[in-house]
């Protein structure tokens, strides 16, 4: 597009200025693309290090074993919450008032 503008202004004083701007722009884009490529590589490398760190920390905690709290709800809590226990049910006291009683 810049070359089209330069050709369109051929013979005018504007043409050399447009050419210089287009060349500067092209150099800046090339430098920016190189920088973005470097940043992309750095981000990918950092991502790999974070994943490695997470896996390493997980491996360090794995030998600790299971918590002594595991299974408490399965044993002690079994009688507290049964599958057929849906909470209180509404009850009419005979006077039009609805209250709740344990179900």
C-alpha atoms as a PDB file:
ATOM      1  CA  UNK A   1       0.000   0.000   0.000  1.00  0.00           C
ATOM      2  CA  UNK A   2       2.844   2.385   0.847  1.00  0.00           C
ATOM      3  CA  UNK A   3       4.496   1.618  -2.484  1.00  0.00           C
ATOM      4  CA  UNK A   4       1.243   2.482  -4.259  1.00  0.00           C
ATOM      5  CA  UNK A   5       1.181   5.851  -2.493  1.00  0.00           C
ATOM      6  CA  UNK A   6       4.839   6.482  -3.354  1.00  0.00           C
ATOM      7  CA  UNK A   7       4.162   5.659  -7.026  1.00  0.00           C
ATOM      8  CA  UNK A   8       1.058   7.824  -6.981  1.00  0.00           C
ATOM      9  CA  UNK A   9       3.095  10.803  -5.815  1.00  0.00           C
ATOM     10  CA  UNK A  10       6.037  10.169  -8.158  1.00  0.00           C
ATOM     11  CA  UNK A  11       7.546  13.457  -9.222  1.00  0.00           C
ATOM     12  CA  UNK A  12       6.153  15.276  -6.223  1.00  0.00           C
ATOM     13  CA  UNK A  13       8.136  16.359  -3.168  1.00  0.00           C
ATOM     14  CA  UNK A  14       5.874  14.102  -1.107  1.00  0.00           C
ATOM     15  CA  UNK A  15       7.157  10.857  -2.703  1.00  0.00           C
ATOM     16  CA  UNK A  16      10.579  10.753  -0.942  1.00  0.00           C
ATOM     17  CA  UNK A  17       8.911  11.481   2.417  1.00  0.00           C
ATOM     18  CA  UNK A  18       6.392   8.685   1.909  1.00  0.00           C
ATOM     19  CA  UNK A  19       9.184   6.297   0.890  1.00  0.00           C
ATOM     20  CA  UNK A  20      11.154   7.150   4.025  1.00  0.00           C
ATOM     21  CA  UNK A  21       8.094   6.659   6.230  1.00  0.00           C
ATOM     22  CA  UNK A  22       7.294   3.313   4.555  1.00  0.00           C
ATOM     23  CA  UNK A  23      10.898   2.091   4.970  1.00  0.00           C
ATOM     24  CA  UNK A  24      10.947   3.182   8.629  1.00  0.00           C
ATOM     25  CA  UNK A  25       7.619   1.462   9.198  1.00  0.00           C
ATOM     26  CA  UNK A  26       8.879  -1.770   7.605  1.00  0.00           C
ATOM     27  CA  UNK A  27      11.994  -1.766   9.817  1.00  0.00           C
ATOM     28  CA  UNK A  28       9.923  -1.109  12.934  1.00  0.00           C
ATOM     29  CA  UNK A  29       7.514  -3.930  12.085  1.00  0.00           C
ATOM     30  CA  UNK A  30      10.434  -6.316  11.519  1.00  0.00           C
ATOM     31  CA  UNK A  31      11.988  -5.379  14.875  1.00  0.00           C
ATOM     32  CA  UNK A  32       8.627  -5.688  16.629  1.00  0.00           C
ATOM     33  CA  UNK A  33       7.951  -9.123  15.110  1.00  0.00           C
ATOM     34  CA  UNK A  34      11.359 -10.287  16.325  1.00  0.00           C
ATOM     35  CA  UNK A  35      10.645  -8.947  19.804  1.00  0.00           C
ATOM     36  CA  UNK A  36       7.226 -10.599  19.899  1.00  0.00           C
ATOM     37  CA  UNK A  37       8.810 -13.889  18.844  1.00  0.00           C
ATOM     38  CA  UNK A  38      11.283 -13.596  21.724  1.00  0.00           C
ATOM     39  CA  UNK A  39       8.487 -12.768  24.181  1.00  0.00           C
ATOM     40  CA  UNK A  40       6.474 -15.744  22.935  1.00  0.00           C
ATOM     41  CA  UNK A  41       9.422 -18.056  23.555  1.00  0.00           C
ATOM     42  CA  UNK A  42       9.985 -16.579  27.017  1.00  0.00           C
ATOM     43  CA  UNK A  43       6.324 -17.037  27.996  1.00  0.00           C
ATOM     44  CA  UNK A  44       6.357 -20.649  26.794  1.00  0.00           C
ATOM     45  CA  UNK A  45       9.536 -21.281  28.774  1.00  0.00           C
ATOM     46  CA  UNK A  46       8.042 -19.726  31.909  1.00  0.00           C
ATOM     47  CA  UNK A  47       4.905 -21.817  31.472  1.00  0.00           C
ATOM     48  CA  UNK A  48       7.020 -24.968  31.331  1.00  0.00           C
ATOM     49  CA  UNK A  49       8.867 -23.947  34.487  1.00  0.00           C
ATOM     50  CA  UNK A  50       5.595 -23.291  36.342  1.00  0.00           C
ATOM     51  CA  UNK A  51       4.238 -26.690  35.330  1.00  0.00           C
ATOM     52  CA  UNK A  52       7.476 -28.364  36.376  1.00  0.00           C
ATOM     53  CA  UNK A  53       7.389 -26.543  39.709  1.00  0.00           C
ATOM     54  CA  UNK A  54       3.769 -27.593  40.329  1.00  0.00           C
ATOM     55  CA  UNK A  55       4.551 -31.208  39.543  1.00  0.00           C
ATOM     56  CA  UNK A  56       7.641 -31.094  41.753  1.00  0.00           C
ATOM     57  CA  UNK A  57       5.702 -29.685  44.700  1.00  0.00           C
ATOM     58  CA  UNK A  58       2.972 -32.277  44.230  1.00  0.00           C
ATOM     59  CA  UNK A  59       5.599 -35.013  44.251  1.00  0.00           C
ATOM     60  CA  UNK A  60       7.012 -33.639  47.509  1.00  0.00           C
ATOM     61  CA  UNK A  61       3.603 -33.779  49.232  1.00  0.00           C
ATOM     62  CA  UNK A  62       2.581 -37.191  47.917  1.00  0.00           C
ATOM     63  CA  UNK A  63       4.791 -39.180  50.353  1.00  0.00           C
ATOM     64  CA  UNK A  64       3.010 -37.567  53.326  1.00  0.00           C
ATOM     65  CA  UNK A  65       0.088 -39.887  52.652  1.00  0.00           C
ATOM     66  CA  UNK A  66      -3.544 -39.445  53.422  1.00  0.00           C
ATOM     67  CA  UNK A  67      -4.846 -37.105  56.061  1.00  0.00           C
ATOM     68  CA  UNK A  68      -6.132 -38.608  59.301  1.00  0.00           C
ATOM     69  CA  UNK A  69      -9.331 -36.654  58.625  1.00  0.00           C
ATOM     70  CA  UNK A  70     -10.124 -38.800  55.555  1.00  0.00           C
ATOM     71  CA  UNK A  71     -13.035 -41.121  56.208  1.00  0.00           C
ATOM     72  CA  UNK A  72     -14.388 -39.320  59.264  1.00  0.00           C
ATOM     73  CA  UNK A  73     -17.592 -38.349  57.484  1.00  0.00           C
ATOM     74  CA  UNK A  74     -17.912 -41.814  56.052  1.00  0.00           C
ATOM     75  CA  UNK A  75     -17.962 -43.369  59.536  1.00  0.00           C
ATOM     76  CA  UNK A  76     -18.925 -40.827  62.201  1.00  0.00           C
ATOM     77  CA  UNK A  77     -21.243 -38.800  59.989  1.00  0.00           C
ATOM     78  CA  UNK A  78     -23.166 -41.753  58.576  1.00  0.00           C
ATOM     79  CA  UNK A  79     -25.788 -41.675  61.319  1.00  0.00           C
ATOM     80  CA  UNK A  80     -26.132 -37.881  61.196  1.00  0.00           C
ATOM     81  CA  UNK A  81     -27.224 -37.551  57.574  1.00  0.00           C
ATOM     82  CA  UNK A  82     -29.139 -40.396  55.993  1.00  0.00           C
ATOM     83  CA  UNK A  83     -30.163 -40.508  52.354  1.00  0.00           C
ATOM     84  CA  UNK A  84     -33.859 -40.592  53.344  1.00  0.00           C
ATOM     85  CA  UNK A  85     -33.530 -37.519  55.619  1.00  0.00           C
ATOM     86  CA  UNK A  86     -34.868 -34.528  53.711  1.00  0.00           C
ATOM     87  CA  UNK A  87     -35.208 -32.173  56.639  1.00  0.00           C
ATOM     88  CA  UNK A  88     -38.337 -30.817  58.375  1.00  0.00           C
ATOM     89  CA  UNK A  89     -41.758 -31.251  56.824  1.00  0.00           C
ATOM     90  CA  UNK A  90     -44.565 -28.663  56.911  1.00  0.00           C
ATOM     91  CA  UNK A  91     -47.388 -29.412  59.396  1.00  0.00           C
ATOM     92  CA  UNK A  92     -50.763 -27.802  59.906  1.00  0.00           C
ATOM     93  CA  UNK A  93     -51.538 -27.153  63.573  1.00  0.00           C
ATOM     94  CA  UNK A  94     -55.297 -27.278  62.884  1.00  0.00           C
ATOM     95  CA  UNK A  95     -55.737 -23.522  63.221  1.00  0.00           C
ATOM     96  CA  UNK A  96     -54.627 -22.677  59.703  1.00  0.00           C
ATOM     97  CA  UNK A  97     -51.067 -22.028  60.830  1.00  0.00           C
ATOM     98  CA  UNK A  98     -48.418 -23.995  59.029  1.00  0.00           C
ATOM     99  CA  UNK A  99     -45.283 -24.783  60.977  1.00  0.00           C
ATOM    100  CA  UNK A 100     -42.505 -27.308  60.747  1.00  0.00           C
ATOM    101  CA  UNK A 101     -41.704 -30.445  62.638  1.00  0.00           C
ATOM    102  CA  UNK A 102     -38.687 -32.667  62.289  1.00  0.00           C
ATOM    103  CA  UNK A 103     -39.033 -35.311  59.624  1.00  0.00           C
END
